[in-house]
PDB file of N, CA and C in Angstrom:
ATOM      1  N   UNK A   1     107.473 231.369 -72.863  1.00  0.00           N
ATOM      2  CA  UNK A   1     106.000 231.149 -72.535  1.00  0.00           C
ATOM      3  C   UNK A   1     105.528 230.209 -73.807  1.00  0.00           C
ATOM      4  N   UNK A   2     104.838 229.118 -73.406  1.00  0.00           N
ATOM      5  CA  UNK A   2     104.355 228.298 -74.417  1.00  0.00           C
ATOM      6  C   UNK A   2     102.809 228.546 -74.661  1.00  0.00           C
ATOM      7  N   UNK A   3     102.419 228.416 -75.832  1.00  0.00           N
ATOM      8  CA  UNK A   3     100.914 228.536 -76.204  1.00  0.00           C
ATOM      9  C   UNK A   3     100.366 227.223 -76.531  1.00  0.00           C
ATOM     10  N   UNK A   4      99.364 226.951 -75.995  1.00  0.00           N
ATOM     11  CA  UNK A   4      98.660 225.642 -76.306  1.00  0.00           C
ATOM     12  C   UNK A   4      97.722 225.927 -77.487  1.00  0.00           C
ATOM     13  N   UNK A   5      97.712 225.031 -78.408  1.00  0.00           N
ATOM     14  CA  UNK A   5      96.752 225.189 -79.524  1.00  0.00           C
ATOM     15  C   UNK A   5      95.758 223.968 -79.437  1.00  0.00           C
ATOM     16  N   UNK A   6      94.631 224.333 -79.655  1.00  0.00           N
ATOM     17  CA  UNK A   6      93.535 223.289 -79.666  1.00  0.00           C
ATOM     18  C   UNK A   6      93.073 223.138 -81.062  1.00  0.00           C
ATOM     19  N   UNK A   7      92.957 221.987 -81.500  1.00  0.00           N
ATOM     20  CA  UNK A   7      92.387 221.701 -82.805  1.00  0.00           C
ATOM     21  C   UNK A   7      90.962 221.392 -82.738  1.00  0.00           C
ATOM     22  N   UNK A   8      90.146 221.996 -83.585  1.00  0.00           N
ATOM     23  CA  UNK A   8      88.696 221.682 -83.530  1.00  0.00           C
ATOM     24  C   UNK A   8      88.359 220.619 -84.472  1.00  0.00           C
ATOM     25  N   UNK A   9      87.588 219.642 -84.141  1.00  0.00           N
ATOM     26  CA  UNK A   9      87.240 218.607 -85.054  1.00  0.00           C
ATOM     27  C   UNK A   9      86.488 219.122 -86.339  1.00  0.00           C
ATOM     28  N   UNK A  10      86.861 218.549 -87.479  1.00  0.00           N
ATOM     29  CA  UNK A  10      86.152 219.049 -88.686  1.00  0.00           C
ATOM     30  C   UNK A  10      84.638 218.988 -88.547  1.00  0.00           C
ATOM     31  N   UNK A  11      84.072 220.148 -88.829  1.00  0.00           N
ATOM     32  CA  UNK A  11      82.587 220.271 -88.792  1.00  0.00           C
ATOM     33  C   UNK A  11      82.087 220.043 -90.257  1.00  0.00           C
ATOM     34  N   UNK A  12      80.940 219.223 -90.269  1.00  0.00           N
ATOM     35  CA  UNK A  12      80.292 218.979 -91.549  1.00  0.00           C
ATOM     36  C   UNK A  12      79.579 220.249 -91.890  1.00  0.00           C
ATOM     37  N   UNK A  13      79.754 220.566 -93.306  1.00  0.00           N
ATOM     38  CA  UNK A  13      79.162 221.836 -93.780  1.00  0.00           C
ATOM     39  C   UNK A  13      77.665 221.580 -94.251  1.00  0.00           C
ATOM     40  N   UNK A  14      76.882 222.551 -94.116  1.00  0.00           N
ATOM     41  CA  UNK A  14      75.471 222.401 -94.652  1.00  0.00           C
ATOM     42  C   UNK A  14      75.579 222.211 -96.170  1.00  0.00           C
ATOM     43  N   UNK A  15      74.559 221.534 -96.706  1.00  0.00           N
ATOM     44  CA  UNK A  15      74.511 221.253 -98.099  1.00  0.00           C
ATOM     45  C   UNK A  15      73.222 221.886 -98.531  1.00  0.00           C
ATOM     46  N   UNK A  16      73.335 222.816 -99.536  1.00  0.00           N
ATOM     47  CA  UNK A  16      72.123 223.514-100.163  1.00  0.00           C
ATOM     48  C   UNK A  16      71.214 222.528-100.804  1.00  0.00           C
ATOM     49  N   UNK A  17      69.921 222.679-100.673  1.00  0.00           N
ATOM     50  CA  UNK A  17      68.915 221.996-101.317  1.00  0.00           C
ATOM     51  C   UNK A  17      68.208 222.824-102.200  1.00  0.00           C
ATOM     52  N   UNK A  18      68.332 222.556-103.490  1.00  0.00           N
ATOM     53  CA  UNK A  18      67.629 223.351-104.574  1.00  0.00           C
ATOM     54  C   UNK A  18      66.593 222.491-105.342  1.00  0.00           C
ATOM     55  N   UNK A  19      65.465 223.118-105.662  1.00  0.00           N
ATOM     56  CA  UNK A  19      64.452 222.469-106.369  1.00  0.00           C
ATOM     57  C   UNK A  19      64.165 223.415-107.599  1.00  0.00           C
ATOM     58  N   UNK A  20      64.282 222.869-108.733  1.00  0.00           N
ATOM     59  CA  UNK A  20      64.102 223.598-110.038  1.00  0.00           C
ATOM     60  C   UNK A  20      64.941 224.828-110.071  1.00  0.00           C
ATOM     61  N   UNK A  21      66.257 224.780-109.579  1.00  0.00           N
ATOM     62  CA  UNK A  21      67.159 225.862-109.504  1.00  0.00           C
ATOM     63  C   UNK A  21      66.933 226.892-108.428  1.00  0.00           C
ATOM     64  N   UNK A  22      65.923 226.688-107.578  1.00  0.00           N
ATOM     65  CA  UNK A  22      65.667 227.674-106.459  1.00  0.00           C
ATOM     66  C   UNK A  22      66.206 227.086-105.193  1.00  0.00           C
ATOM     67  N   UNK A  23      67.114 227.780-104.423  1.00  0.00           N
ATOM     68  CA  UNK A  23      67.551 227.268-103.230  1.00  0.00           C
ATOM     69  C   UNK A  23      66.391 227.377-102.132  1.00  0.00           C
ATOM     70  N   UNK A  24      66.086 226.285-101.497  1.00  0.00           N
ATOM     71  CA  UNK A  24      65.026 226.310-100.504  1.00  0.00           C
ATOM     72  C   UNK A  24      65.449 226.138 -99.161  1.00  0.00           C
ATOM     73  N   UNK A  25      66.621 225.705 -98.959  1.00  0.00           N
ATOM     74  CA  UNK A  25      67.209 225.493 -97.614  1.00  0.00           C
ATOM     75  C   UNK A  25      68.492 224.773 -97.634  1.00  0.00           C
ATOM     76  N   UNK A  26      68.839 224.316 -96.418  1.00  0.00           N
ATOM     77  CA  UNK A  26      70.089 223.420 -96.303  1.00  0.00           C
ATOM     78  C   UNK A  26      69.717 222.209 -95.460  1.00  0.00           C
ATOM     79  N   UNK A  27      70.452 221.219 -95.598  1.00  0.00           N
ATOM     80  CA  UNK A  27      70.510 220.058 -94.692  1.00  0.00           C
ATOM     81  C   UNK A  27      71.832 220.051 -93.963  1.00  0.00           C
ATOM     82  N   UNK A  28      71.662 219.754 -92.762  1.00  0.00           N
ATOM     83  CA  UNK A  28      72.872 219.658 -91.771  1.00  0.00           C
ATOM     84  C   UNK A  28      72.799 218.262 -91.195  1.00  0.00           C
ATOM     85  N   UNK A  29      74.028 217.759 -91.046  1.00  0.00           N
ATOM     86  CA  UNK A  29      74.119 216.390 -90.365  1.00  0.00           C
ATOM     87  C   UNK A  29      73.614 216.449 -88.878  1.00  0.00           C
ATOM     88  N   UNK A  30      72.849 215.492 -88.439  1.00  0.00           N
ATOM     89  CA  UNK A  30      72.387 215.337 -87.198  1.00  0.00           C
ATOM     90  C   UNK A  30      72.533 213.915 -86.737  1.00  0.00           C
ATOM     91  N   UNK A  31      72.285 213.582 -85.427  1.00  0.00           N
ATOM     92  CA  UNK A  31      72.391 212.212 -84.987  1.00  0.00           C
ATOM     93  C   UNK A  31      71.543 211.235 -85.698  1.00  0.00           C
ATOM     94  N   UNK A  32      70.373 211.671 -86.252  1.00  0.00           N
ATOM     95  CA  UNK A  32      69.376 210.927 -86.811  1.00  0.00           C
ATOM     96  C   UNK A  32      69.551 210.837 -88.362  1.00  0.00           C
ATOM     97  N   UNK A  33      70.283 211.709 -88.973  1.00  0.00           N
ATOM     98  CA  UNK A  33      70.410 211.808 -90.389  1.00  0.00           C
ATOM     99  C   UNK A  33      70.826 213.105 -90.851  1.00  0.00           C
ATOM    100  N   UNK A  34      70.033 213.734 -91.709  1.00  0.00           N
ATOM    101  CA  UNK A  34      70.229 215.040 -92.189  1.00  0.00           C
ATOM    102  C   UNK A  34      68.987 215.838 -92.018  1.00  0.00           C
ATOM    103  N   UNK A  35      69.100 216.982 -91.219  1.00  0.00           N
ATOM    104  CA  UNK A  35      67.961 217.800 -90.828  1.00  0.00           C
ATOM    105  C   UNK A  35      67.851 218.924 -91.833  1.00  0.00           C
ATOM    106  N   UNK A  36      66.596 219.163 -92.351  1.00  0.00           N
ATOM    107  CA  UNK A  36      66.434 220.312 -93.243  1.00  0.00           C
ATOM    108  C   UNK A  36      66.011 221.567 -92.525  1.00  0.00           C
ATOM    109  N   UNK A  37      66.681 222.670 -92.945  1.00  0.00           N
ATOM    110  CA  UNK A  37      66.404 223.897 -92.410  1.00  0.00           C
ATOM    111  C   UNK A  37      65.992 224.805 -93.601  1.00  0.00           C
ATOM    112  N   UNK A  38      64.782 225.242 -93.583  1.00  0.00           N
ATOM    113  CA  UNK A  38      64.147 225.913 -94.800  1.00  0.00           C
ATOM    114  C   UNK A  38      64.506 227.360 -94.674  1.00  0.00           C
ATOM    115  N   UNK A  39      64.676 228.040 -95.798  1.00  0.00           N
ATOM    116  CA  UNK A  39      64.987 229.391 -95.983  1.00  0.00           C
ATOM    117  C   UNK A  39      64.045 230.105 -96.839  1.00  0.00           C
ATOM    118  N   UNK A  40      63.156 229.362 -97.449  1.00  0.00           N
ATOM    119  CA  UNK A  40      62.098 229.982 -98.375  1.00  0.00           C
ATOM    120  C   UNK A  40      60.746 229.541 -97.741  1.00  0.00           C
ATOM    121  N   UNK A  41      59.775 230.503 -97.918  1.00  0.00           N
ATOM    122  CA  UNK A  41      58.530 230.329 -97.380  1.00  0.00           C
ATOM    123  C   UNK A  41      57.783 228.979 -98.007  1.00  0.00           C
ATOM    124  N   UNK A  42      58.013 228.721 -99.206  1.00  0.00           N
ATOM    125  CA  UNK A  42      57.373 227.573 -99.909  1.00  0.00           C
ATOM    126  C   UNK A  42      57.927 226.313 -99.255  1.00  0.00           C
ATOM    127  N   UNK A  43      59.048 226.244 -98.495  1.00  0.00           N
ATOM    128  CA  UNK A  43      59.498 225.044 -97.916  1.00  0.00           C
ATOM    129  C   UNK A  43      59.350 224.917 -96.492  1.00  0.00           C
ATOM    130  N   UNK A  44      58.712 226.037 -95.838  1.00  0.00           N
ATOM    131  CA  UNK A  44      58.603 226.034 -94.338  1.00  0.00           C
ATOM    132  C   UNK A  44      57.888 224.805 -93.778  1.00  0.00           C
ATOM    133  N   UNK A  45      56.952 224.271 -94.532  1.00  0.00           N
ATOM    134  CA  UNK A  45      56.244 223.095 -93.946  1.00  0.00           C
ATOM    135  C   UNK A  45      57.140 221.902 -93.811  1.00  0.00           C
ATOM    136  N   UNK A  46      58.270 221.902 -94.470  1.00  0.00           N
ATOM    137  CA  UNK A  46      59.162 220.753 -94.319  1.00  0.00           C
ATOM    138  C   UNK A  46      60.358 221.048 -93.337  1.00  0.00           C
ATOM    139  N   UNK A  47      60.357 222.246 -92.835  1.00  0.00           N
ATOM    140  CA  UNK A  47      61.472 222.703 -91.858  1.00  0.00           C
ATOM    141  C   UNK A  47      61.569 221.757 -90.740  1.00  0.00           C
ATOM    142  N   UNK A  48      62.747 221.376 -90.467  1.00  0.00           N
ATOM    143  CA  UNK A  48      63.031 220.452 -89.325  1.00  0.00           C
ATOM    144  C   UNK A  48      62.941 218.906 -89.577  1.00  0.00           C
ATOM    145  N   UNK A  49      62.414 218.503 -90.738  1.00  0.00           N
ATOM    146  CA  UNK A  49      62.364 217.049 -91.095  1.00  0.00           C
ATOM    147  C   UNK A  49      63.711 216.483 -91.169  1.00  0.00           C
ATOM    148  N   UNK A  50      63.853 215.210 -90.866  1.00  0.00           N
ATOM    149  CA  UNK A  50      65.100 214.590 -90.984  1.00  0.00           C
ATOM    150  C   UNK A  50      65.034 213.548 -91.980  1.00  0.00           C
ATOM    151  N   UNK A  51      66.154 213.399 -92.805  1.00  0.00           N
ATOM    152  CA  UNK A  51      66.161 212.453 -93.855  1.00  0.00           C
ATOM    153  C   UNK A  51      67.456 211.611 -93.710  1.00  0.00           C
ATOM    154  N   UNK A  52      67.415 210.420 -94.301  1.00  0.00           N
ATOM    155  CA  UNK A  52      68.564 209.490 -94.290  1.00  0.00           C
ATOM    156  C   UNK A  52      69.775 209.880 -94.975  1.00  0.00           C
ATOM    157  N   UNK A  53      69.515 210.655 -96.103  1.00  0.00           N
ATOM    158  CA  UNK A  53      70.718 211.189 -96.905  1.00  0.00           C
ATOM    159  C   UNK A  53      70.338 212.450 -97.487  1.00  0.00           C
ATOM    160  N   UNK A  54      71.331 213.052 -98.015  1.00  0.00           N
ATOM    161  CA  UNK A  54      71.191 214.359 -98.771  1.00  0.00           C
ATOM    162  C   UNK A  54      70.297 214.068-100.062  1.00  0.00           C
ATOM    163  N   UNK A  55      70.591 212.987-100.760  1.00  0.00           N
ATOM    164  CA  UNK A  55      69.810 212.678-101.927  1.00  0.00           C
ATOM    165  C   UNK A  55      68.294 212.403-101.554  1.00  0.00           C
ATOM    166  N   UNK A  56      68.174 211.730-100.491  1.00  0.00           N
ATOM    167  CA  UNK A  56      66.736 211.548-100.037  1.00  0.00           C
ATOM    168  C   UNK A  56      65.998 212.854 -99.753  1.00  0.00           C
ATOM    169  N   UNK A  57      66.795 213.749 -99.111  1.00  0.00           N
ATOM    170  CA  UNK A  57      66.207 215.069 -98.799  1.00  0.00           C
ATOM    171  C   UNK A  57      65.775 215.772-100.024  1.00  0.00           C
ATOM    172  N   UNK A  58      66.729 215.779-101.044  1.00  0.00           N
ATOM    173  CA  UNK A  58      66.438 216.546-102.271  1.00  0.00           C
ATOM    174  C   UNK A  58      65.129 215.960-102.978  1.00  0.00           C
ATOM    175  N   UNK A  59      65.151 214.675-103.087  1.00  0.00           N
ATOM    176  CA  UNK A  59      64.024 214.139-103.832  1.00  0.00           C
ATOM    177  C   UNK A  59      62.767 214.267-103.126  1.00  0.00           C
ATOM    178  N   UNK A  60      62.744 214.005-101.676  1.00  0.00           N
ATOM    179  CA  UNK A  60      61.467 214.179-100.932  1.00  0.00           C
ATOM    180  C   UNK A  60      61.003 215.584-100.938  1.00  0.00           C
ATOM    181  N   UNK A  61      61.861 216.563-100.843  1.00  0.00           N
ATOM    182  CA  UNK A  61      61.470 217.980-100.832  1.00  0.00           C
ATOM    183  C   UNK A  61      60.941 218.346-102.163  1.00  0.00           C
ATOM    184  N   UNK A  62      61.580 217.917-103.166  1.00  0.00           N
ATOM    185  CA  UNK A  62      61.075 218.258-104.568  1.00  0.00           C
ATOM    186  C   UNK A  62      59.798 217.621-104.791  1.00  0.00           C
ATOM    187  N   UNK A  63      59.659 216.392-104.514  1.00  0.00           N
ATOM    188  CA  UNK A  63      58.334 215.783-104.667  1.00  0.00           C
ATOM    189  C   UNK A  63      57.179 216.463-103.862  1.00  0.00           C
ATOM    190  N   UNK A  64      57.474 216.794-102.604  1.00  0.00           N
ATOM    191  CA  UNK A  64      56.508 217.463-101.724  1.00  0.00           C
ATOM    192  C   UNK A  64      56.095 218.851-102.339  1.00  0.00           C
ATOM    193  N   UNK A  65      57.045 219.580-102.792  1.00  0.00           N
ATOM    194  CA  UNK A  65      56.850 220.907-103.426  1.00  0.00           C
ATOM    195  C   UNK A  65      56.040 220.869-104.763  1.00  0.00           C
ATOM    196  N   UNK A  66      56.397 219.787-105.554  1.00  0.00           N
ATOM    197  CA  UNK A  66      55.733 219.639-106.770  1.00  0.00           C
ATOM    198  C   UNK A  66      54.260 219.125-106.516  1.00  0.00           C
ATOM    199  N   UNK A  67      54.030 218.368-105.543  1.00  0.00           N
ATOM    200  CA  UNK A  67      52.665 217.972-105.242  1.00  0.00           C
ATOM    201  C   UNK A  67      51.807 219.116-104.770  1.00  0.00           C
ATOM    202  N   UNK A  68      52.422 220.077-104.146  1.00  0.00           N
ATOM    203  CA  UNK A  68      51.651 221.188-103.590  1.00  0.00           C
ATOM    204  C   UNK A  68      51.449 222.296-104.621  1.00  0.00           C
ATOM    205  N   UNK A  69      52.205 222.220-105.702  1.00  0.00           N
ATOM    206  CA  UNK A  69      52.192 223.407-106.659  1.00  0.00           C
ATOM    207  C   UNK A  69      50.884 223.324-107.403  1.00  0.00           C
ATOM    208  N   UNK A  70      50.239 224.525-107.567  1.00  0.00           N
ATOM    209  CA  UNK A  70      49.021 224.582-108.253  1.00  0.00           C
ATOM    210  C   UNK A  70      49.162 224.313-109.780  1.00  0.00           C
ATOM    211  N   UNK A  71      48.239 223.588-110.403  1.00  0.00           N
ATOM    212  CA  UNK A  71      48.444 223.316-111.829  1.00  0.00           C
ATOM    213  C   UNK A  71      48.476 224.555-112.657  1.00  0.00           C
ATOM    214  N   UNK A  72      49.327 224.602-113.621  1.00  0.00           N
ATOM    215  CA  UNK A  72      49.421 225.815-114.389  1.00  0.00           C
ATOM    216  C   UNK A  72      50.245 225.763-115.518  1.00  0.00           C
TER     217      UNK A  72
END
């Protein structure tokens, strides 16, 4: 009896997005770019946004969170 094996195409892994050492979520490849999935409450406003690259996601998310942070 022969067994057929099916190979699964390699899946792109999520990339963690950290700001100031705190993991805020991950970006996953999508047809439009990289979609952000938030895991921290402070980043929920950005959940679902799509970015052109992982670097763009990191810088945009960092800038958005720093702009919202209360002075202190």
